[in-house]
PDB file of N, CA and C in Angstrom:
ATOM      1  N   MET A   1       0.819  -1.160   0.014  1.00  0.00           N
ATOM      2  CA  MET A   1      -0.019   0.000   0.011  1.00  0.00           C
ATOM      3  C   MET A   1       0.853   1.235   0.005  1.00  0.00           C
ATOM      4  N   ILE A   2       0.433   2.205  -0.753  1.00  0.00           N
ATOM      5  CA  ILE A   2       1.033   3.554  -0.718  1.00  0.00           C
ATOM      6  C   ILE A   2       0.113   4.496  -0.003  1.00  0.00           C
ATOM      7  N   ARG A   3       0.627   5.286   0.886  1.00  0.00           N
ATOM      8  CA  ARG A   3      -0.190   6.298   1.566  1.00  0.00           C
ATOM      9  C   ARG A   3       0.467   7.692   1.307  1.00  0.00           C
ATOM     10  N   VAL A   4      -0.386   8.589   0.830  1.00  0.00           N
ATOM     11  CA  VAL A   4       0.015  10.027   0.611  1.00  0.00           C
ATOM     12  C   VAL A   4      -0.764  10.872   1.575  1.00  0.00           C
ATOM     13  N   THR A   5      -0.026  11.642   2.400  1.00  0.00           N
ATOM     14  CA  THR A   5      -0.727  12.582   3.273  1.00  0.00           C
ATOM     15  C   THR A   5      -0.422  14.032   2.914  1.00  0.00           C
ATOM     16  N   LEU A   6      -1.408  14.808   3.058  1.00  0.00           N
ATOM     17  CA  LEU A   6      -1.303  16.244   2.777  1.00  0.00           C
ATOM     18  C   LEU A   6      -1.540  17.053   4.071  1.00  0.00           C
ATOM     19  N   GLU A   7      -0.525  17.770   4.464  1.00  0.00           N
ATOM     20  CA  GLU A   7      -0.614  18.568   5.713  1.00  0.00           C
ATOM     21  C   GLU A   7      -0.353  20.031   5.464  1.00  0.00           C
ATOM     22  N   LEU A   8      -0.957  20.779   6.217  1.00  0.00           N
ATOM     23  CA  LEU A   8      -0.727  22.234   6.320  1.00  0.00           C
ATOM     24  C   LEU A   8       0.113  22.506   7.519  1.00  0.00           C
ATOM     25  N   ILE A   9       1.250  23.228   7.349  1.00  0.00           N
ATOM     26  CA  ILE A   9       2.130  23.539   8.450  1.00  0.00           C
ATOM     27  C   ILE A   9       2.133  25.069   8.558  1.00  0.00           C
ATOM     28  N   PRO A  10       1.323  25.599   9.505  1.00  0.00           N
ATOM     29  CA  PRO A  10       1.171  27.009   9.595  1.00  0.00           C
ATOM     30  C   PRO A  10       2.489  27.726   9.840  1.00  0.00           C
ATOM     31  N   GLY A  11       2.784  28.717   9.044  1.00  0.00           N
ATOM     32  CA  GLY A  11       4.001  29.459   9.153  1.00  0.00           C
ATOM     33  C   GLY A  11       5.253  28.706   8.855  1.00  0.00           C
ATOM     34  N   GLY A  12       5.134  27.488   8.366  1.00  0.00           N
ATOM     35  CA  GLY A  12       6.247  26.629   8.064  1.00  0.00           C
ATOM     36  C   GLY A  12       6.856  25.883   9.223  1.00  0.00           C
ATOM     37  N   PHE A  13       6.327  26.154  10.431  1.00  0.00           N
ATOM     38  CA  PHE A  13       6.939  25.426  11.579  1.00  0.00           C
ATOM     39  C   PHE A  13       5.879  25.195  12.659  1.00  0.00           C
ATOM     40  N   GLY A  14       4.609  25.485  12.424  1.00  0.00           N
ATOM     41  CA  GLY A  14       3.608  25.246  13.455  1.00  0.00           C
ATOM     42  C   GLY A  14       3.190  23.727  13.471  1.00  0.00           C
ATOM     43  N   GLU A  15       2.238  23.471  14.325  1.00  0.00           N
ATOM     44  CA  GLU A  15       1.686  22.143  14.463  1.00  0.00           C
ATOM     45  C   GLU A  15       0.984  21.717  13.102  1.00  0.00           C
ATOM     46  N   PRO A  16       1.399  20.590  12.464  1.00  0.00           N
ATOM     47  CA  PRO A  16       0.793  20.167  11.228  1.00  0.00           C
ATOM     48  C   PRO A  16      -0.678  19.871  11.381  1.00  0.00           C
ATOM     49  N   GLU A  17      -1.440  20.227  10.331  1.00  0.00           N
ATOM     50  CA  GLU A  17      -2.885  19.978  10.345  1.00  0.00           C
ATOM     51  C   GLU A  17      -3.144  19.080   9.141  1.00  0.00           C
ATOM     52  N   LEU A  18      -3.688  17.946   9.296  1.00  0.00           N
ATOM     53  CA  LEU A  18      -4.025  16.964   8.238  1.00  0.00           C
ATOM     54  C   LEU A  18      -5.146  17.555   7.381  1.00  0.00           C
ATOM     55  N   LEU A  19      -4.811  17.726   6.113  1.00  0.00           N
ATOM     56  CA  LEU A  19      -5.792  18.208   5.128  1.00  0.00           C
ATOM     57  C   LEU A  19      -6.398  17.057   4.376  1.00  0.00           C
ATOM     58  N   GLY A  20      -5.733  15.984   4.202  1.00  0.00           N
ATOM     59  CA  GLY A  20      -6.243  14.901   3.447  1.00  0.00           C
ATOM     60  C   GLY A  20      -5.282  13.723   3.348  1.00  0.00           C
ATOM     61  N   ARG A  21      -5.822  12.605   2.803  1.00  0.00           N
ATOM     62  CA  ARG A  21      -4.983  11.408   2.737  1.00  0.00           C
ATOM     63  C   ARG A  21      -5.467  10.554   1.513  1.00  0.00           C
ATOM     64  N   ILE A  22      -4.523   9.900   0.839  1.00  0.00           N
ATOM     65  CA  ILE A  22      -4.909   8.972  -0.224  1.00  0.00           C
ATOM     66  C   ILE A  22      -4.217   7.637   0.159  1.00  0.00           C
ATOM     67  N   ASP A  23      -5.013   6.567   0.193  1.00  0.00           N
ATOM     68  CA  ASP A  23      -4.462   5.222   0.282  1.00  0.00           C
ATOM     69  C   ASP A  23      -4.633   4.519  -1.095  1.00  0.00           C
ATOM     70  N   ILE A  24      -3.525   3.919  -1.530  1.00  0.00           N
ATOM     71  CA  ILE A  24      -3.454   3.286  -2.836  1.00  0.00           C
ATOM     72  C   ILE A  24      -3.067   1.817  -2.644  1.00  0.00           C
ATOM     73  N   ASP A  25      -3.885   0.946  -3.130  1.00  0.00           N
ATOM     74  CA  ASP A  25      -3.645  -0.508  -2.986  1.00  0.00           C
ATOM     75  C   ASP A  25      -3.420  -1.139  -4.347  1.00  0.00           C
ATOM     76  N   ASN A  26      -2.325  -1.862  -4.473  1.00  0.00           N
ATOM     77  CA  ASN A  26      -2.059  -2.612  -5.662  1.00  0.00           C
ATOM     78  C   ASN A  26      -2.949  -3.798  -5.734  1.00  0.00           C
ATOM     79  N   GLN A  27      -3.737  -3.892  -6.827  1.00  0.00           N
ATOM     80  CA  GLN A  27      -4.533  -5.052  -7.066  1.00  0.00           C
ATOM     81  C   GLN A  27      -3.661  -6.113  -7.694  1.00  0.00           C
ATOM     82  N   ILE A  28      -3.149  -7.005  -6.897  1.00  0.00           N
ATOM     83  CA  ILE A  28      -2.023  -7.847  -7.262  1.00  0.00           C
ATOM     84  C   ILE A  28      -2.244  -8.817  -8.495  1.00  0.00           C
ATOM     85  N   GLN A  29      -3.478  -9.081  -8.764  1.00  0.00           N
ATOM     86  CA  GLN A  29      -3.743  -9.982  -9.947  1.00  0.00           C
ATOM     87  C   GLN A  29      -3.086  -9.442 -11.205  1.00  0.00           C
ATOM     88  N   ARG A  30      -3.157  -8.161 -11.534  1.00  0.00           N
ATOM     89  CA  ARG A  30      -2.577  -7.643 -12.775  1.00  0.00           C
ATOM     90  C   ARG A  30      -1.051  -7.752 -12.631  1.00  0.00           C
ATOM     91  N   THR A  31      -0.486  -7.392 -11.513  1.00  0.00           N
ATOM     92  CA  THR A  31       0.941  -7.421 -11.380  1.00  0.00           C
ATOM     93  C   THR A  31       1.461  -8.821 -11.520  1.00  0.00           C
ATOM     94  N   LEU A  32       0.767  -9.854 -11.009  1.00  0.00           N
ATOM     95  CA  LEU A  32       1.220 -11.164 -11.203  1.00  0.00           C
ATOM     96  C   LEU A  32       1.174 -11.635 -12.618  1.00  0.00           C
ATOM     97  N   SER A  33       0.250 -11.166 -13.402  1.00  0.00           N
ATOM     98  CA  SER A  33       0.146 -11.591 -14.802  1.00  0.00           C
ATOM     99  C   SER A  33       1.088 -10.807 -15.674  1.00  0.00           C
ATOM    100  N   ASP A  34       1.392  -9.509 -15.283  1.00  0.00           N
ATOM    101  CA  ASP A  34       2.296  -8.719 -16.083  1.00  0.00           C
ATOM    102  C   ASP A  34       2.888  -7.712 -15.119  1.00  0.00           C
ATOM    103  N   HIS A  35       4.178  -7.907 -14.667  1.00  0.00           N
ATOM    104  CA  HIS A  35       4.830  -7.084 -13.630  1.00  0.00           C
ATOM    105  C   HIS A  35       5.066  -5.677 -14.101  1.00  0.00           C
ATOM    106  N   ARG A  36       4.992  -5.392 -15.393  1.00  0.00           N
ATOM    107  CA  ARG A  36       5.224  -4.046 -15.907  1.00  0.00           C
ATOM    108  C   ARG A  36       4.004  -3.139 -15.759  1.00  0.00           C
ATOM    109  N   ARG A  37       2.787  -3.743 -15.459  1.00  0.00           N
ATOM    110  CA  ARG A  37       1.584  -2.927 -15.363  1.00  0.00           C
ATOM    111  C   ARG A  37       0.859  -3.238 -14.102  1.00  0.00           C
ATOM    112  N   GLY A  38       0.050  -2.313 -13.627  1.00  0.00           N
ATOM    113  CA  GLY A  38      -0.694  -2.524 -12.429  1.00  0.00           C
ATOM    114  C   GLY A  38      -2.065  -1.891 -12.411  1.00  0.00           C
ATOM    115  N   ASP A  39      -2.958  -2.505 -11.606  1.00  0.00           N
ATOM    116  CA  ASP A  39      -4.239  -1.916 -11.332  1.00  0.00           C
ATOM    117  C   ASP A  39      -4.179  -1.447  -9.876  1.00  0.00           C
ATOM    118  N   TYR A  40      -4.709  -0.263  -9.628  1.00  0.00           N
ATOM    119  CA  TYR A  40      -4.636   0.365  -8.327  1.00  0.00           C
ATOM    120  C   TYR A  40      -5.998   0.893  -7.877  1.00  0.00           C
ATOM    121  N   HIS A  41      -6.418   0.422  -6.670  1.00  0.00           N
ATOM    122  CA  HIS A  41      -7.642   0.891  -6.041  1.00  0.00           C
ATOM    123  C   HIS A  41      -7.183   2.000  -5.124  1.00  0.00           C
ATOM    124  N   TYR A  42      -7.902   3.152  -5.231  1.00  0.00           N
ATOM    125  CA  TYR A  42      -7.514   4.270  -4.341  1.00  0.00           C
ATOM    126  C   TYR A  42      -8.727   4.712  -3.487  1.00  0.00           C
ATOM    127  N   ARG A  43      -8.436   5.301  -2.382  1.00  0.00           N
ATOM    128  CA  ARG A  43      -9.431   5.964  -1.506  1.00  0.00           C
ATOM    129  C   ARG A  43      -8.919   7.248  -1.035  1.00  0.00           C
ATOM    130  N   LEU A  44      -9.711   8.330  -1.255  1.00  0.00           N
ATOM    131  CA  LEU A  44      -9.370   9.691  -0.737  1.00  0.00           C
ATOM    132  C   LEU A  44     -10.239   9.878   0.501  1.00  0.00           C
ATOM    133  N   PHE A  45      -9.626  10.317   1.577  1.00  0.00           N
ATOM    134  CA  PHE A  45     -10.261  10.498   2.866  1.00  0.00           C
ATOM    135  C   PHE A  45     -10.509  11.956   3.116  1.00  0.00           C
ATOM    136  N   LYS A  46     -11.642  12.223   3.740  1.00  0.00           N
ATOM    137  CA  LYS A  46     -11.963  13.528   4.201  1.00  0.00           C
ATOM    138  C   LYS A  46     -10.960  14.005   5.282  1.00  0.00           C
ATOM    139  N   LYS A  47     -10.825  15.307   5.385  1.00  0.00           N
ATOM    140  CA  LYS A  47      -9.903  15.908   6.323  1.00  0.00           C
ATOM    141  C   LYS A  47     -10.255  15.452   7.716  1.00  0.00           C
ATOM    142  N   ARG A  48      -9.194  15.015   8.409  1.00  0.00           N
ATOM    143  CA  ARG A  48      -9.255  14.595   9.862  1.00  0.00           C
ATOM    144  C   ARG A  48     -10.323  13.501  10.152  1.00  0.00           C
ATOM    145  N   THR A  49     -10.611  12.717   9.160  1.00  0.00           N
ATOM    146  CA  THR A  49     -11.571  11.628   9.424  1.00  0.00           C
ATOM    147  C   THR A  49     -11.134  10.360   8.773  1.00  0.00           C
ATOM    148  N   ALA A  50     -11.765   9.296   9.104  1.00  0.00           N
ATOM    149  CA  ALA A  50     -11.519   7.910   8.457  1.00  0.00           C
ATOM    150  C   ALA A  50     -12.587   7.705   7.434  1.00  0.00           C
ATOM    151  N   LYS A  51     -13.406   8.706   7.129  1.00  0.00           N
ATOM    152  CA  LYS A  51     -14.503   8.561   6.168  1.00  0.00           C
ATOM    153  C   LYS A  51     -13.996   8.724   4.738  1.00  0.00           C
ATOM    154  N   VAL A  52     -14.279   7.742   3.950  1.00  0.00           N
ATOM    155  CA  VAL A  52     -13.858   7.798   2.471  1.00  0.00           C
ATOM    156  C   VAL A  52     -14.649   8.894   1.770  1.00  0.00           C
ATOM    157  N   TRP A  53     -14.018   9.736   1.067  1.00  0.00           N
ATOM    158  CA  TRP A  53     -14.569  10.842   0.343  1.00  0.00           C
ATOM    159  C   TRP A  53     -14.861  10.395  -1.090  1.00  0.00           C
ATOM    160  N   LYS A  54     -13.845   9.875  -1.702  1.00  0.00           N
ATOM    161  CA  LYS A  54     -13.913   9.318  -3.068  1.00  0.00           C
ATOM    162  C   LYS A  54     -13.088   8.132  -3.157  1.00  0.00           C
ATOM    163  N   GLU A  55     -13.473   7.230  -4.091  1.00  0.00           N
ATOM    164  CA  GLU A  55     -12.653   6.050  -4.343  1.00  0.00           C
ATOM    165  C   GLU A  55     -12.819   5.645  -5.812  1.00  0.00           C
ATOM    166  N   GLY A  56     -11.851   4.878  -6.307  1.00  0.00           N
ATOM    167  CA  GLY A  56     -11.891   4.461  -7.682  1.00  0.00           C
ATOM    168  C   GLY A  56     -10.789   3.497  -7.986  1.00  0.00           C
ATOM    169  N   LEU A  57     -10.636   3.175  -9.266  1.00  0.00           N
ATOM    170  CA  LEU A  57      -9.699   2.191  -9.737  1.00  0.00           C
ATOM    171  C   LEU A  57      -8.941   2.720 -10.923  1.00  0.00           C
ATOM    172  N   ILE A  58      -7.628   2.739 -10.880  1.00  0.00           N
ATOM    173  CA  ILE A  58      -6.768   3.035 -12.022  1.00  0.00           C
ATOM    174  C   ILE A  58      -6.315   1.685 -12.581  1.00  0.00           C
ATOM    175  N   GLU A  59      -6.668   1.437 -13.856  1.00  0.00           N
ATOM    176  CA  GLU A  59      -6.327   0.137 -14.463  1.00  0.00           C
ATOM    177  C   GLU A  59      -5.203   0.249 -15.440  1.00  0.00           C
ATOM    178  N   ASP A  60      -4.394  -0.774 -15.613  1.00  0.00           N
ATOM    179  CA  ASP A  60      -3.376  -0.894 -16.628  1.00  0.00           C
ATOM    180  C   ASP A  60      -2.389   0.218 -16.560  1.00  0.00           C
ATOM    181  N   PHE A  61      -1.958   0.626 -15.420  1.00  0.00           N
ATOM    182  CA  PHE A  61      -0.955   1.714 -15.194  1.00  0.00           C
ATOM    183  C   PHE A  61       0.448   1.096 -15.501  1.00  0.00           C
ATOM    184  N   PRO A  62       1.236   1.781 -16.309  1.00  0.00           N
ATOM    185  CA  PRO A  62       2.563   1.267 -16.687  1.00  0.00           C
ATOM    186  C   PRO A  62       3.586   1.547 -15.551  1.00  0.00           C
ATOM    187  N   ARG A  63       3.569   0.757 -14.554  1.00  0.00           N
ATOM    188  CA  ARG A  63       4.213   0.980 -13.303  1.00  0.00           C
ATOM    189  C   ARG A  63       5.716   1.080 -13.295  1.00  0.00           C
ATOM    190  N   LEU A  64       6.300   0.473 -14.309  1.00  0.00           N
ATOM    191  CA  LEU A  64       7.789   0.513 -14.430  1.00  0.00           C
ATOM    192  C   LEU A  64       8.246   1.628 -15.317  1.00  0.00           C
ATOM    193  N   SER A  65       7.306   2.209 -16.035  1.00  0.00           N
ATOM    194  CA  SER A  65       7.654   3.319 -16.954  1.00  0.00           C
ATOM    195  C   SER A  65       7.482   4.715 -16.374  1.00  0.00           C
ATOM    196  N   TYR A  66       6.692   4.810 -15.330  1.00  0.00           N
ATOM    197  CA  TYR A  66       6.373   6.137 -14.798  1.00  0.00           C
ATOM    198  C   TYR A  66       6.562   6.100 -13.284  1.00  0.00           C
ATOM    199  N   HIS A  67       6.821   7.331 -12.720  1.00  0.00           N
ATOM    200  CA  HIS A  67       7.102   7.479 -11.312  1.00  0.00           C
ATOM    201  C   HIS A  67       5.776   7.408 -10.544  1.00  0.00           C
ATOM    202  N   THR A  68       5.904   7.214  -9.282  1.00  0.00           N
ATOM    203  CA  THR A  68       4.749   7.129  -8.348  1.00  0.00           C
ATOM    204  C   THR A  68       3.918   8.408  -8.414  1.00  0.00           C
ATOM    205  N   TRP A  69       4.590   9.540  -8.579  1.00  0.00           N
ATOM    206  CA  TRP A  69       3.849  10.822  -8.659  1.00  0.00           C
ATOM    207  C   TRP A  69       2.941  10.862  -9.878  1.00  0.00           C
ATOM    208  N   ASN A  70       3.320  10.186 -10.970  1.00  0.00           N
ATOM    209  CA  ASN A  70       2.415  10.066 -12.094  1.00  0.00           C
ATOM    210  C   ASN A  70       1.120   9.303 -11.765  1.00  0.00           C
ATOM    211  N   LEU A  71       1.256   8.285 -10.936  1.00  0.00           N
ATOM    212  CA  LEU A  71       0.120   7.539 -10.427  1.00  0.00           C
ATOM    213  C   LEU A  71      -0.779   8.433  -9.593  1.00  0.00           C
ATOM    214  N   VAL A  72      -0.201   9.211  -8.695  1.00  0.00           N
ATOM    215  CA  VAL A  72      -0.923  10.082  -7.812  1.00  0.00           C
ATOM    216  C   VAL A  72      -1.694  11.116  -8.645  1.00  0.00           C
ATOM    217  N   ARG A  73      -1.018  11.687  -9.670  1.00  0.00           N
ATOM    218  CA  ARG A  73      -1.650  12.636 -10.546  1.00  0.00           C
ATOM    219  C   ARG A  73      -2.847  11.999 -11.280  1.00  0.00           C
ATOM    220  N   LYS A  74      -2.678  10.757 -11.770  1.00  0.00           N
ATOM    221  CA  LYS A  74      -3.759  10.065 -12.462  1.00  0.00           C
ATOM    222  C   LYS A  74      -4.917   9.801 -11.563  1.00  0.00           C
ATOM    223  N   ILE A  75      -4.590   9.515 -10.296  1.00  0.00           N
ATOM    224  CA  ILE A  75      -5.700   9.290  -9.277  1.00  0.00           C
ATOM    225  C   ILE A  75      -6.447  10.640  -9.066  1.00  0.00           C
ATOM    226  N   LEU A  76      -5.747  11.710  -8.891  1.00  0.00           N
ATOM    227  CA  LEU A  76      -6.390  12.994  -8.694  1.00  0.00           C
ATOM    228  C   LEU A  76      -7.240  13.409  -9.880  1.00  0.00           C
ATOM    229  N   ASP A  77      -6.762  13.163 -11.095  1.00  0.00           N
ATOM    230  CA  ASP A  77      -7.493  13.481 -12.327  1.00  0.00           C
ATOM    231  C   ASP A  77      -8.774  12.585 -12.351  1.00  0.00           C
ATOM    232  N   ASP A  78      -8.624  11.307 -12.016  1.00  0.00           N
ATOM    233  CA  ASP A  78      -9.719  10.384 -12.015  1.00  0.00           C
ATOM    234  C   ASP A  78     -10.843  10.844 -11.000  1.00  0.00           C
ATOM    235  N   ALA A  79     -10.346  11.178  -9.821  1.00  0.00           N
ATOM    236  CA  ALA A  79     -11.301  11.625  -8.765  1.00  0.00           C
ATOM    237  C   ALA A  79     -12.005  12.865  -9.156  1.00  0.00           C
ATOM    238  N   ALA A  80     -11.323  13.783  -9.761  1.00  0.00           N
ATOM    239  CA  ALA A  80     -11.927  15.081 -10.224  1.00  0.00           C
ATOM    240  C   ALA A  80     -12.964  14.801 -11.344  1.00  0.00           C
ATOM    241  N   ALA A  81     -12.625  13.945 -12.204  1.00  0.00           N
ATOM    242  CA  ALA A  81     -13.560  13.645 -13.309  1.00  0.00           C
ATOM    243  C   ALA A  81     -14.890  13.042 -12.852  1.00  0.00           C
ATOM    244  N   GLY A  82     -14.826  12.337 -11.709  1.00  0.00           N
ATOM    245  CA  GLY A  82     -15.986  11.707 -11.168  1.00  0.00           C
ATOM    246  C   GLY A  82     -17.095  12.681 -10.740  1.00  0.00           C
ATOM    247  N   SER A  83     -16.773  13.900 -10.365  1.00  0.00           N
ATOM    248  CA  SER A  83     -17.786  14.779  -9.866  1.00  0.00           C
ATOM    249  C   SER A  83     -17.626  16.188 -10.491  1.00  0.00           C
ATOM    250  N   GLY A  84     -16.603  16.405 -11.213  1.00  0.00           N
ATOM    251  CA  GLY A  84     -16.332  17.702 -11.837  1.00  0.00           C
ATOM    252  C   GLY A  84     -15.455  18.590 -10.969  1.00  0.00           C
ATOM    253  N   VAL A  85     -15.381  18.329  -9.725  1.00  0.00           N
ATOM    254  CA  VAL A  85     -14.506  19.089  -8.825  1.00  0.00           C
ATOM    255  C   VAL A  85     -13.955  18.147  -7.732  1.00  0.00           C
ATOM    256  N   ILE A  86     -12.819  18.483  -7.209  1.00  0.00           N
ATOM    257  CA  ILE A  86     -12.321  17.779  -6.042  1.00  0.00           C
ATOM    258  C   ILE A  86     -12.538  18.622  -4.808  1.00  0.00           C
TER     259      ILE A  86
END
């Protein structure tokens, strides 16, 4: 699992405030059949809660050709397309 957390640090040194979190799970079936590609289930969580805000699936991601940040961007684009806004 990959976890991305987004924090606000007031003034650059204050107590961090959690703004959001993304959990990304590799759906291992794709990786076992082709280690170069992956399917990833993601969950975006609401600020300071364990409540899922949005979730989805990124399929057939070229995991060896692109960086993890490309996967995160694809997830954010996918989540935004689901409702028009994040």
